[in-house]
Amino acid sequence: MIQIGDVVVSFDVLNKKFVCNLNCCKGACCIEGDAGAPVDLEEVALLEEVLPVIWNELVPEARAVIERQGVVYTDIEGELVTSIVDNRACAFAAWDAHGCCYCTIEQAYRAGKTSFYKPVSCHLYPIRVKNFGAIKGVNYDKWDICKAAVLLGEATDVPVYKFLKEPLIRKFGEAWYKELEEATEALKQQRPDLF
């Protein structure tokens, strides 16, 4: 692991390869799992604010869940997460004509209807950020449904942290990301066996 400020980054984020391959996975990370996507407390208000913009895009089951429990709930680990439908799909997910899952919030953002991109944890996936008091841990979440993304990342030689440059900057800032790049390059010189 390396530490940049108050953030500890696992070596997997630096040396594992990853490039999302939506054509293969069809957005499975928004559908599979046993809980919603982690959200920061500040993001709850943003989710509520964007709700009227995306309401008609949501599947009826998602609207029912949101009406019943709201845009988030507390999971079994005590974390705030996006509401889910049938203990699976994110309430903000929808499907295109080809059966590919997409984020209704991101779609609204790309159409210029909102300034909120989507929860940062979604933008960062497959990176997960955990708070450990004053320190944050940044880890690569390995999941079988992302096998095609690993293969594409290996074929194109793109490490996780480079694939996720934009959301890492969104979460930690431009200066932090530049320091991460510099530290990674120095680590490659010192410990080439890690890469």
N, C-alpha and C. Protein backbone atom coordinates (compact mmCIF):
# COMPACT_ATOMS: atom_id res chain seq x y z
N MET A 1 0.83 -1.19 0.00
CA MET A 1 0.00 0.00 0.00
C MET A 1 0.87 1.25 0.00
N ILE A 2 0.31 2.30 -0.56
CA ILE A 2 0.98 3.59 -0.47
C ILE A 2 -0.01 4.59 0.14
N GLN A 3 0.54 5.62 0.77
CA GLN A 3 -0.31 6.62 1.40
C GLN A 3 -0.07 7.97 0.75
N ILE A 4 -1.18 8.60 0.35
CA ILE A 4 -1.15 9.96 -0.20
C ILE A 4 -2.04 10.79 0.71
N GLY A 5 -1.45 11.66 1.50
CA GLY A 5 -2.21 12.43 2.48
C GLY A 5 -2.85 11.48 3.47
N ASP A 6 -4.16 11.61 3.65
CA ASP A 6 -4.87 10.74 4.60
C ASP A 6 -5.53 9.55 3.91
N VAL A 7 -5.04 9.22 2.71
CA VAL A 7 -5.64 8.15 1.91
C VAL A 7 -4.61 7.05 1.67
N VAL A 8 -4.96 5.82 2.07
CA VAL A 8 -4.11 4.66 1.84
C VAL A 8 -4.66 3.91 0.64
N VAL A 9 -3.81 3.68 -0.35
CA VAL A 9 -4.22 3.05 -1.61
C VAL A 9 -3.57 1.68 -1.73
N SER A 10 -4.39 0.66 -1.97
CA SER A 10 -3.84 -0.70 -2.10
C SER A 10 -3.07 -0.83 -3.42
N PHE A 11 -2.10 -1.72 -3.42
CA PHE A 11 -1.32 -1.96 -4.64
C PHE A 11 -2.20 -2.44 -5.79
N ASP A 12 -3.27 -3.15 -5.49
CA ASP A 12 -4.17 -3.64 -6.55
C ASP A 12 -4.72 -2.50 -7.40
N VAL A 13 -4.97 -1.36 -6.78
CA VAL A 13 -5.48 -0.19 -7.53
C VAL A 13 -4.43 0.29 -8.53
N LEU A 14 -3.18 0.09 -8.19
CA LEU A 14 -2.08 0.57 -9.02
C LEU A 14 -1.65 -0.43 -10.09
N ASN A 15 -1.72 -1.73 -9.77
CA ASN A 15 -1.14 -2.70 -10.70
C ASN A 15 -2.14 -3.62 -11.41
N LYS A 16 -3.38 -3.69 -10.94
CA LYS A 16 -4.38 -4.50 -11.64
C LYS A 16 -4.93 -3.71 -12.82
N LYS A 17 -5.31 -4.43 -13.86
CA LYS A 17 -5.81 -3.79 -15.08
C LYS A 17 -7.33 -3.88 -15.13
N PHE A 18 -7.95 -2.81 -15.69
CA PHE A 18 -9.41 -2.76 -15.71
C PHE A 18 -9.90 -1.69 -16.68
N VAL A 19 -10.81 -2.07 -17.56
CA VAL A 19 -11.54 -1.13 -18.43
C VAL A 19 -12.95 -1.69 -18.59
N CYS A 20 -13.95 -0.96 -18.12
CA CYS A 20 -15.32 -1.45 -18.22
C CYS A 20 -15.64 -1.88 -19.64
N ASN A 21 -16.35 -2.99 -19.75
CA ASN A 21 -16.75 -3.52 -21.05
C ASN A 21 -18.27 -3.74 -21.01
N LEU A 22 -18.99 -2.64 -21.18
CA LEU A 22 -20.44 -2.64 -21.06
C LEU A 22 -21.11 -3.57 -22.05
N ASN A 23 -20.49 -3.77 -23.20
CA ASN A 23 -21.08 -4.68 -24.20
C ASN A 23 -21.16 -6.11 -23.67
N CYS A 24 -20.22 -6.48 -22.79
CA CYS A 24 -20.21 -7.84 -22.24
C CYS A 24 -21.02 -7.96 -20.96
N CYS A 25 -20.86 -7.01 -20.05
CA CYS A 25 -21.51 -7.16 -18.73
C CYS A 25 -22.92 -6.60 -18.68
N LYS A 26 -23.26 -5.73 -19.61
CA LYS A 26 -24.61 -5.13 -19.68
C LYS A 26 -24.96 -4.33 -18.43
N GLY A 27 -23.94 -3.82 -17.71
CA GLY A 27 -24.19 -3.01 -16.52
C GLY A 27 -24.55 -3.83 -15.29
N ALA A 28 -24.03 -5.03 -15.21
CA ALA A 28 -24.38 -5.96 -14.13
C ALA A 28 -24.07 -5.41 -12.74
N CYS A 29 -23.09 -4.52 -12.61
CA CYS A 29 -22.74 -4.01 -11.28
C CYS A 29 -23.87 -3.17 -10.68
N CYS A 30 -24.79 -2.69 -11.52
CA CYS A 30 -25.94 -1.93 -11.03
C CYS A 30 -27.13 -2.84 -10.69
N ILE A 31 -26.99 -4.11 -11.01
CA ILE A 31 -28.09 -5.06 -10.85
C ILE A 31 -27.77 -6.10 -9.79
N GLU A 32 -26.56 -6.64 -9.83
CA GLU A 32 -26.17 -7.74 -8.93
C GLU A 32 -25.74 -7.20 -7.57
N GLY A 33 -25.71 -8.07 -6.61
CA GLY A 33 -25.24 -7.70 -5.28
C GLY A 33 -26.36 -7.79 -4.27
N ASP A 34 -26.01 -7.53 -3.01
CA ASP A 34 -27.00 -7.66 -1.95
C ASP A 34 -27.32 -6.34 -1.26
N ALA A 35 -26.79 -5.24 -1.81
CA ALA A 35 -27.07 -3.92 -1.24
C ALA A 35 -26.89 -2.88 -2.33
N GLY A 36 -27.39 -1.69 -2.05
CA GLY A 36 -27.23 -0.60 -3.00
C GLY A 36 -25.81 -0.04 -2.98
N ALA A 37 -25.60 0.99 -3.77
CA ALA A 37 -24.29 1.64 -3.84
C ALA A 37 -24.11 2.56 -2.63
N PRO A 38 -22.93 2.54 -2.01
CA PRO A 38 -22.69 3.44 -0.87
C PRO A 38 -22.85 4.91 -1.28
N VAL A 39 -23.44 5.70 -0.39
CA VAL A 39 -23.60 7.13 -0.64
C VAL A 39 -23.13 7.91 0.57
N ASP A 40 -22.58 9.09 0.31
CA ASP A 40 -22.23 10.01 1.38
C ASP A 40 -23.50 10.72 1.83
N LEU A 41 -23.51 11.19 3.06
CA LEU A 41 -24.68 11.87 3.60
C LEU A 41 -25.08 13.07 2.72
N GLU A 42 -24.07 13.79 2.20
CA GLU A 42 -24.35 14.95 1.34
C GLU A 42 -25.04 14.54 0.04
N GLU A 43 -24.79 13.31 -0.39
CA GLU A 43 -25.38 12.85 -1.66
C GLU A 43 -26.86 12.52 -1.54
N VAL A 44 -27.35 12.29 -0.33
CA VAL A 44 -28.77 11.98 -0.15
C VAL A 44 -29.60 13.15 -0.66
N ALA A 45 -29.24 14.37 -0.29
CA ALA A 45 -29.98 15.56 -0.76
C ALA A 45 -29.89 15.68 -2.28
N LEU A 46 -28.74 15.34 -2.86
CA LEU A 46 -28.59 15.42 -4.32
C LEU A 46 -29.47 14.37 -5.01
N LEU A 47 -29.56 13.18 -4.43
CA LEU A 47 -30.44 12.15 -4.98
C LEU A 47 -31.90 12.59 -4.93
N GLU A 48 -32.28 13.19 -3.83
CA GLU A 48 -33.66 13.68 -3.69
C GLU A 48 -33.94 14.82 -4.66
N GLU A 49 -32.92 15.65 -4.87
CA GLU A 49 -33.07 16.79 -5.78
C GLU A 49 -33.24 16.35 -7.23
N VAL A 50 -32.53 15.31 -7.63
CA VAL A 50 -32.58 14.84 -9.01
C VAL A 50 -33.81 13.95 -9.28
N LEU A 51 -34.44 13.49 -8.22
CA LEU A 51 -35.55 12.55 -8.36
C LEU A 51 -36.67 13.02 -9.31
N PRO A 52 -37.15 14.27 -9.21
CA PRO A 52 -38.21 14.68 -10.15
C PRO A 52 -37.76 14.68 -11.61
N VAL A 53 -36.47 14.88 -11.84
CA VAL A 53 -35.93 14.91 -13.20
C VAL A 53 -35.95 13.52 -13.83
N ILE A 54 -35.69 12.50 -13.03
CA ILE A 54 -35.56 11.14 -13.55
C ILE A 54 -36.76 10.24 -13.26
N TRP A 55 -37.72 10.76 -12.52
CA TRP A 55 -38.84 9.93 -12.03
C TRP A 55 -39.48 9.09 -13.12
N ASN A 56 -39.78 9.68 -14.26
CA ASN A 56 -40.47 8.94 -15.32
C ASN A 56 -39.59 7.90 -16.01
N GLU A 57 -38.27 7.98 -15.79
CA GLU A 57 -37.35 7.00 -16.36
C GLU A 57 -37.23 5.74 -15.49
N LEU A 58 -37.61 5.87 -14.22
CA LEU A 58 -37.48 4.75 -13.29
C LEU A 58 -38.55 3.70 -13.55
N VAL A 59 -38.18 2.44 -13.33
CA VAL A 59 -39.17 1.37 -13.49
C VAL A 59 -40.21 1.50 -12.37
N PRO A 60 -41.43 1.06 -12.60
CA PRO A 60 -42.48 1.20 -11.58
C PRO A 60 -42.10 0.61 -10.22
N GLU A 61 -41.41 -0.52 -10.23
CA GLU A 61 -41.00 -1.14 -8.96
C GLU A 61 -40.04 -0.23 -8.19
N ALA A 62 -39.19 0.48 -8.90
CA ALA A 62 -38.24 1.40 -8.25
C ALA A 62 -38.98 2.59 -7.65
N ARG A 63 -39.95 3.10 -8.39
CA ARG A 63 -40.74 4.22 -7.86
C ARG A 63 -41.46 3.80 -6.57
N ALA A 64 -41.98 2.58 -6.56
CA ALA A 64 -42.69 2.08 -5.37
C ALA A 64 -41.74 1.97 -4.18
N VAL A 65 -40.53 1.45 -4.41
CA VAL A 65 -39.54 1.33 -3.33
C VAL A 65 -39.16 2.70 -2.80
N ILE A 66 -38.92 3.65 -3.69
CA ILE A 66 -38.54 5.00 -3.27
C ILE A 66 -39.68 5.68 -2.51
N GLU A 67 -40.89 5.50 -2.97
CA GLU A 67 -42.04 6.07 -2.25
C GLU A 67 -42.16 5.48 -0.85
N ARG A 68 -41.82 4.22 -0.72
CA ARG A 68 -41.95 3.53 0.56
C ARG A 68 -40.80 3.85 1.53
N GLN A 69 -39.56 3.84 1.04
CA GLN A 69 -38.43 3.98 1.96
C GLN A 69 -37.49 5.13 1.67
N GLY A 70 -37.70 5.82 0.55
CA GLY A 70 -36.81 6.93 0.21
C GLY A 70 -35.73 6.50 -0.76
N VAL A 71 -34.80 7.41 -1.05
CA VAL A 71 -33.76 7.17 -2.05
C VAL A 71 -32.62 6.31 -1.53
N VAL A 72 -32.51 6.20 -0.18
CA VAL A 72 -31.44 5.40 0.43
C VAL A 72 -31.99 4.61 1.61
N TYR A 73 -31.21 3.67 2.06
CA TYR A 73 -31.50 2.94 3.28
C TYR A 73 -30.18 2.58 3.95
N THR A 74 -30.23 2.10 5.17
CA THR A 74 -29.03 1.67 5.88
C THR A 74 -28.90 0.17 5.73
N ASP A 75 -27.76 -0.28 5.17
CA ASP A 75 -27.57 -1.71 4.94
C ASP A 75 -27.14 -2.43 6.23
N ILE A 76 -26.88 -3.73 6.12
CA ILE A 76 -26.55 -4.51 7.31
C ILE A 76 -25.22 -4.13 7.95
N GLU A 77 -24.37 -3.42 7.19
CA GLU A 77 -23.09 -2.96 7.73
C GLU A 77 -23.20 -1.57 8.33
N GLY A 78 -24.43 -1.01 8.30
CA GLY A 78 -24.65 0.31 8.88
C GLY A 78 -24.31 1.46 7.94
N GLU A 79 -24.15 1.17 6.65
CA GLU A 79 -23.81 2.21 5.68
C GLU A 79 -25.05 2.65 4.92
N LEU A 80 -25.08 3.95 4.58
CA LEU A 80 -26.14 4.45 3.71
C LEU A 80 -25.85 3.97 2.30
N VAL A 81 -26.88 3.41 1.66
CA VAL A 81 -26.74 2.91 0.28
C VAL A 81 -28.00 3.27 -0.51
N THR A 82 -27.87 3.29 -1.83
CA THR A 82 -29.03 3.58 -2.67
C THR A 82 -30.08 2.49 -2.48
N SER A 83 -31.33 2.88 -2.58
CA SER A 83 -32.42 1.91 -2.50
C SER A 83 -32.30 0.92 -3.65
N ILE A 84 -32.77 -0.30 -3.40
CA ILE A 84 -32.71 -1.35 -4.42
C ILE A 84 -34.08 -1.99 -4.60
N VAL A 85 -34.26 -2.62 -5.73
CA VAL A 85 -35.50 -3.29 -6.09
C VAL A 85 -35.29 -4.80 -6.01
N ASP A 86 -36.19 -5.49 -5.32
CA ASP A 86 -36.13 -6.95 -5.19
C ASP A 86 -34.78 -7.45 -4.67
N ASN A 87 -34.19 -6.70 -3.73
CA ASN A 87 -32.90 -7.06 -3.15
C ASN A 87 -31.80 -7.23 -4.19
N ARG A 88 -31.89 -6.51 -5.31
CA ARG A 88 -30.90 -6.66 -6.39
C ARG A 88 -30.57 -5.32 -7.03
N ALA A 89 -31.40 -4.91 -7.97
CA ALA A 89 -31.07 -3.78 -8.86
C ALA A 89 -31.19 -2.44 -8.13
N CYS A 90 -30.26 -1.55 -8.44
CA CYS A 90 -30.33 -0.19 -7.93
C CYS A 90 -31.64 0.45 -8.40
N ALA A 91 -32.27 1.19 -7.52
CA ALA A 91 -33.54 1.85 -7.86
C ALA A 91 -33.37 2.87 -8.98
N PHE A 92 -32.16 3.33 -9.21
CA PHE A 92 -31.91 4.34 -10.25
C PHE A 92 -31.50 3.73 -11.58
N ALA A 93 -31.57 2.41 -11.68
CA ALA A 93 -31.21 1.71 -12.91
C ALA A 93 -32.41 1.62 -13.84
N ALA A 94 -32.12 1.62 -15.13
CA ALA A 94 -33.13 1.39 -16.17
C ALA A 94 -32.44 0.58 -17.26
N TRP A 95 -33.21 0.13 -18.25
CA TRP A 95 -32.65 -0.72 -19.30
C TRP A 95 -32.98 -0.16 -20.66
N ASP A 96 -32.00 -0.24 -21.57
CA ASP A 96 -32.25 0.22 -22.94
C ASP A 96 -32.85 -0.90 -23.77
N ALA A 97 -33.08 -0.64 -25.04
CA ALA A 97 -33.74 -1.61 -25.93
C ALA A 97 -32.91 -2.87 -26.12
N HIS A 98 -31.61 -2.81 -25.82
CA HIS A 98 -30.73 -3.97 -25.99
C HIS A 98 -30.53 -4.74 -24.68
N GLY A 99 -31.28 -4.36 -23.65
CA GLY A 99 -31.16 -5.05 -22.36
C GLY A 99 -29.97 -4.62 -21.54
N CYS A 100 -29.36 -3.51 -21.91
CA CYS A 100 -28.20 -2.99 -21.18
C CYS A 100 -28.68 -2.04 -20.09
N CYS A 101 -28.21 -2.26 -18.89
CA CYS A 101 -28.57 -1.41 -17.76
C CYS A 101 -27.81 -0.08 -17.85
N TYR A 102 -28.48 0.99 -17.48
CA TYR A 102 -27.82 2.30 -17.42
C TYR A 102 -28.34 3.06 -16.20
N CYS A 103 -27.59 4.07 -15.81
CA CYS A 103 -27.95 4.90 -14.65
C CYS A 103 -28.79 6.07 -15.14
N THR A 104 -30.00 6.19 -14.61
CA THR A 104 -30.88 7.28 -15.02
C THR A 104 -30.32 8.64 -14.59
N ILE A 105 -29.58 8.65 -13.49
CA ILE A 105 -28.98 9.91 -13.03
C ILE A 105 -27.89 10.35 -14.00
N GLU A 106 -27.00 9.42 -14.37
CA GLU A 106 -25.94 9.74 -15.31
C GLU A 106 -26.52 10.17 -16.66
N GLN A 107 -27.57 9.50 -17.09
CA GLN A 107 -28.20 9.86 -18.36
C GLN A 107 -28.75 11.30 -18.30
N ALA A 108 -29.38 11.66 -17.19
CA ALA A 108 -29.89 13.03 -17.03
C ALA A 108 -28.75 14.03 -17.00
N TYR A 109 -27.63 13.67 -16.36
CA TYR A 109 -26.46 14.54 -16.32
C TYR A 109 -25.92 14.78 -17.74
N ARG A 110 -25.78 13.71 -18.50
CA ARG A 110 -25.24 13.82 -19.86
C ARG A 110 -26.17 14.61 -20.78
N ALA A 111 -27.47 14.61 -20.45
CA ALA A 111 -28.45 15.38 -21.23
C ALA A 111 -28.55 16.83 -20.75
N GLY A 112 -27.74 17.19 -19.74
CA GLY A 112 -27.74 18.56 -19.23
C GLY A 112 -28.92 18.89 -18.33
N LYS A 113 -29.58 17.87 -17.80
CA LYS A 113 -30.77 18.10 -16.96
C LYS A 113 -30.45 18.22 -15.48
N THR A 114 -29.23 17.86 -15.09
CA THR A 114 -28.80 17.95 -13.69
C THR A 114 -27.29 18.16 -13.65
N SER A 115 -26.82 18.74 -12.55
CA SER A 115 -25.37 18.91 -12.37
C SER A 115 -24.76 17.78 -11.55
N PHE A 116 -25.63 16.88 -11.06
CA PHE A 116 -25.17 15.74 -10.27
C PHE A 116 -24.90 14.56 -11.20
N TYR A 117 -23.65 14.10 -11.21
CA TYR A 117 -23.26 13.03 -12.15
C TYR A 117 -23.90 11.69 -11.75
N LYS A 118 -23.67 11.26 -10.55
CA LYS A 118 -24.23 10.08 -9.90
C LYS A 118 -23.43 9.91 -8.62
N PRO A 119 -23.84 9.03 -7.70
CA PRO A 119 -23.04 8.86 -6.48
C PRO A 119 -21.57 8.55 -6.83
N VAL A 120 -20.67 9.15 -6.08
CA VAL A 120 -19.25 8.99 -6.38
C VAL A 120 -18.82 7.53 -6.25
N SER A 121 -19.47 6.75 -5.38
CA SER A 121 -19.09 5.34 -5.26
C SER A 121 -19.38 4.58 -6.54
N CYS A 122 -20.43 4.96 -7.25
CA CYS A 122 -20.75 4.34 -8.54
C CYS A 122 -19.72 4.73 -9.59
N HIS A 123 -19.37 6.01 -9.59
CA HIS A 123 -18.41 6.54 -10.55
C HIS A 123 -17.04 5.89 -10.33
N LEU A 124 -16.72 5.58 -9.09
CA LEU A 124 -15.42 5.01 -8.73
C LEU A 124 -15.33 3.50 -8.94
N TYR A 125 -16.45 2.83 -9.13
CA TYR A 125 -16.40 1.37 -9.17
C TYR A 125 -15.49 0.87 -10.29
N PRO A 126 -14.58 -0.09 -10.06
CA PRO A 126 -14.51 -1.08 -8.99
C PRO A 126 -13.69 -0.68 -7.77
N ILE A 127 -13.41 0.61 -7.60
CA ILE A 127 -12.76 1.05 -6.38
C ILE A 127 -13.83 1.27 -5.31
N ARG A 128 -13.50 0.84 -4.11
CA ARG A 128 -14.34 1.11 -2.95
C ARG A 128 -13.50 1.89 -1.94
N VAL A 129 -14.10 2.90 -1.34
CA VAL A 129 -13.43 3.74 -0.34
C VAL A 129 -14.07 3.46 1.02
N LYS A 130 -13.24 3.16 1.99
CA LYS A 130 -13.71 2.92 3.36
C LYS A 130 -13.05 3.93 4.28
N ASN A 131 -13.81 4.42 5.25
CA ASN A 131 -13.27 5.33 6.25
C ASN A 131 -12.81 4.54 7.46
N PHE A 132 -11.59 4.83 7.89
CA PHE A 132 -11.03 4.22 9.09
C PHE A 132 -10.59 5.36 10.01
N GLY A 133 -11.55 6.03 10.60
CA GLY A 133 -11.23 7.19 11.42
C GLY A 133 -10.73 8.31 10.53
N ALA A 134 -9.51 8.77 10.81
CA ALA A 134 -8.93 9.87 10.04
C ALA A 134 -8.34 9.41 8.71
N ILE A 135 -8.27 8.11 8.49
CA ILE A 135 -7.68 7.55 7.27
C ILE A 135 -8.76 6.95 6.39
N LYS A 136 -8.59 7.12 5.08
CA LYS A 136 -9.48 6.47 4.11
C LYS A 136 -8.69 5.37 3.41
N GLY A 137 -9.34 4.24 3.21
CA GLY A 137 -8.72 3.14 2.48
C GLY A 137 -9.33 3.03 1.09
N VAL A 138 -8.48 2.95 0.09
CA VAL A 138 -8.92 2.83 -1.31
C VAL A 138 -8.52 1.45 -1.80
N ASN A 139 -9.53 0.63 -2.10
CA ASN A 139 -9.28 -0.76 -2.50
C ASN A 139 -9.97 -1.10 -3.80
N TYR A 140 -9.41 -2.07 -4.48
CA TYR A 140 -9.99 -2.60 -5.71
C TYR A 140 -10.92 -3.75 -5.33
N ASP A 141 -12.18 -3.64 -5.73
CA ASP A 141 -13.18 -4.66 -5.42
C ASP A 141 -13.26 -5.64 -6.58
N LYS A 142 -12.70 -6.82 -6.38
CA LYS A 142 -12.72 -7.84 -7.44
C LYS A 142 -14.05 -8.56 -7.42
N TRP A 143 -14.68 -8.66 -8.60
CA TRP A 143 -16.00 -9.28 -8.69
C TRP A 143 -16.05 -10.03 -10.01
N ASP A 144 -16.52 -11.26 -9.99
CA ASP A 144 -16.55 -12.11 -11.19
C ASP A 144 -17.30 -11.49 -12.36
N ILE A 145 -18.34 -10.68 -12.06
CA ILE A 145 -19.12 -10.09 -13.15
C ILE A 145 -18.30 -9.10 -13.98
N CYS A 146 -17.14 -8.70 -13.45
CA CYS A 146 -16.28 -7.75 -14.15
C CYS A 146 -15.13 -8.44 -14.90
N LYS A 147 -15.23 -9.72 -15.12
CA LYS A 147 -14.16 -10.48 -15.80
C LYS A 147 -13.83 -9.87 -17.16
N ALA A 148 -14.85 -9.47 -17.92
CA ALA A 148 -14.61 -8.88 -19.24
C ALA A 148 -13.85 -7.56 -19.12
N ALA A 149 -14.10 -6.81 -18.05
CA ALA A 149 -13.39 -5.54 -17.84
C ALA A 149 -11.92 -5.79 -17.50
N VAL A 150 -11.65 -6.86 -16.76
CA VAL A 150 -10.27 -7.22 -16.44
C VAL A 150 -9.54 -7.63 -17.73
N LEU A 151 -10.19 -8.45 -18.53
CA LEU A 151 -9.57 -8.89 -19.79
C LEU A 151 -9.30 -7.71 -20.72
N LEU A 152 -10.25 -6.77 -20.83
CA LEU A 152 -10.05 -5.60 -21.67
C LEU A 152 -8.95 -4.70 -21.10
N GLY A 153 -8.92 -4.56 -19.79
CA GLY A 153 -7.86 -3.78 -19.14
C GLY A 153 -6.49 -4.37 -19.39
N GLU A 154 -6.40 -5.70 -19.32
CA GLU A 154 -5.13 -6.38 -19.59
C GLU A 154 -4.73 -6.23 -21.06
N ALA A 155 -5.71 -6.34 -21.96
CA ALA A 155 -5.42 -6.22 -23.40
C ALA A 155 -4.96 -4.82 -23.77
N THR A 156 -5.49 -3.81 -23.06
CA THR A 156 -5.14 -2.42 -23.37
C THR A 156 -4.11 -1.84 -22.40
N ASP A 157 -3.70 -2.65 -21.40
CA ASP A 157 -2.69 -2.27 -20.41
C ASP A 157 -3.08 -0.99 -19.65
N VAL A 158 -4.32 -0.96 -19.16
CA VAL A 158 -4.81 0.20 -18.41
C VAL A 158 -5.03 -0.21 -16.95
N PRO A 159 -4.22 0.35 -16.03
CA PRO A 159 -4.43 0.03 -14.62
C PRO A 159 -5.69 0.70 -14.07
N VAL A 160 -6.20 0.15 -12.98
CA VAL A 160 -7.43 0.63 -12.37
C VAL A 160 -7.37 2.14 -12.12
N TYR A 161 -6.28 2.62 -11.52
CA TYR A 161 -6.23 4.04 -11.16
C TYR A 161 -6.24 4.96 -12.39
N LYS A 162 -5.73 4.49 -13.52
CA LYS A 162 -5.78 5.32 -14.73
C LYS A 162 -7.16 5.27 -15.36
N PHE A 163 -7.80 4.11 -15.35
CA PHE A 163 -9.15 4.00 -15.87
C PHE A 163 -10.10 4.90 -15.06
N LEU A 164 -9.85 5.02 -13.77
CA LEU A 164 -10.73 5.79 -12.89
C LEU A 164 -10.16 7.16 -12.52
N LYS A 165 -9.36 7.74 -13.39
CA LYS A 165 -8.76 9.05 -13.13
C LYS A 165 -9.82 10.10 -12.81
N GLU A 166 -10.83 10.22 -13.65
CA GLU A 166 -11.85 11.25 -13.45
C GLU A 166 -12.56 11.13 -12.09
N PRO A 167 -13.09 9.96 -11.73
CA PRO A 167 -13.74 9.88 -10.43
C PRO A 167 -12.78 10.00 -9.24
N LEU A 168 -11.53 9.55 -9.40
CA LEU A 168 -10.56 9.74 -8.32
C LEU A 168 -10.29 11.22 -8.09
N ILE A 169 -10.20 11.99 -9.17
CA ILE A 169 -10.03 13.44 -9.04
C ILE A 169 -11.29 14.04 -8.42
N ARG A 170 -12.44 13.57 -8.85
CA ARG A 170 -13.70 14.06 -8.26
C ARG A 170 -13.73 13.82 -6.76
N LYS A 171 -13.25 12.68 -6.31
CA LYS A 171 -13.29 12.32 -4.89
C LYS A 171 -12.19 13.00 -4.08
N PHE A 172 -10.95 13.00 -4.61
CA PHE A 172 -9.82 13.43 -3.81
C PHE A 172 -9.11 14.69 -4.30
N GLY A 173 -9.41 15.13 -5.52
CA GLY A 173 -8.81 16.35 -6.04
C GLY A 173 -7.67 16.10 -7.02
N GLU A 174 -7.42 17.09 -7.85
CA GLU A 174 -6.40 17.02 -8.90
C GLU A 174 -5.00 16.87 -8.32
N ALA A 175 -4.68 17.64 -7.27
CA ALA A 175 -3.34 17.58 -6.67
C ALA A 175 -3.08 16.19 -6.08
N TRP A 176 -4.10 15.62 -5.43
CA TRP A 176 -3.97 14.29 -4.86
C TRP A 176 -3.68 13.27 -5.96
N TYR A 177 -4.43 13.36 -7.07
CA TYR A 177 -4.24 12.38 -8.15
C TYR A 177 -2.84 12.51 -8.76
N LYS A 178 -2.37 13.73 -8.92
CA LYS A 178 -1.02 13.94 -9.47
C LYS A 178 0.02 13.31 -8.55
N GLU A 179 -0.18 13.46 -7.25
CA GLU A 179 0.73 12.84 -6.28
C GLU A 179 0.67 11.31 -6.36
N LEU A 180 -0.54 10.78 -6.58
CA LEU A 180 -0.70 9.34 -6.75
C LEU A 180 0.08 8.85 -7.97
N GLU A 181 -0.03 9.57 -9.07
CA GLU A 181 0.70 9.19 -10.29
C GLU A 181 2.21 9.20 -10.04
N GLU A 182 2.69 10.25 -9.40
CA GLU A 182 4.13 10.38 -9.12
C GLU A 182 4.61 9.26 -8.19
N ALA A 183 3.82 8.98 -7.16
CA ALA A 183 4.19 7.92 -6.21
C ALA A 183 4.19 6.55 -6.90
N THR A 184 3.25 6.35 -7.81
CA THR A 184 3.18 5.08 -8.53
C THR A 184 4.39 4.91 -9.44
N GLU A 185 4.78 5.96 -10.14
CA GLU A 185 5.97 5.90 -11.00
C GLU A 185 7.23 5.62 -10.18
N ALA A 186 7.34 6.26 -9.02
CA ALA A 186 8.50 6.02 -8.15
C ALA A 186 8.49 4.57 -7.64
N LEU A 187 7.31 4.07 -7.30
CA LEU A 187 7.19 2.70 -6.83
C LEU A 187 7.57 1.70 -7.93
N LYS A 188 7.23 2.01 -9.17
CA LYS A 188 7.60 1.13 -10.29
C LYS A 188 9.11 1.01 -10.41
N GLN A 189 9.82 2.10 -10.13
CA GLN A 189 11.28 2.08 -10.19
C GLN A 189 11.86 1.28 -9.03
N GLN A 190 11.28 1.46 -7.84
CA GLN A 190 11.80 0.82 -6.63
C GLN A 190 11.38 -0.66 -6.54
N ARG A 191 10.14 -0.96 -6.96
CA ARG A 191 9.60 -2.30 -6.80
C ARG A 191 8.95 -2.78 -8.10
N PRO A 192 9.73 -2.99 -9.16
CA PRO A 192 9.14 -3.42 -10.43
C PRO A 192 8.42 -4.77 -10.32
N ASP A 193 8.77 -5.55 -9.30
CA ASP A 193 8.10 -6.85 -9.11
C ASP A 193 6.61 -6.71 -8.79
N LEU A 194 6.19 -5.53 -8.32
CA LEU A 194 4.77 -5.30 -8.02
C LEU A 194 3.96 -5.04 -9.27
N PHE A 195 4.65 -4.74 -10.35
CA PHE A 195 3.96 -4.37 -11.60
C PHE A 195 4.23 -5.37 -12.69
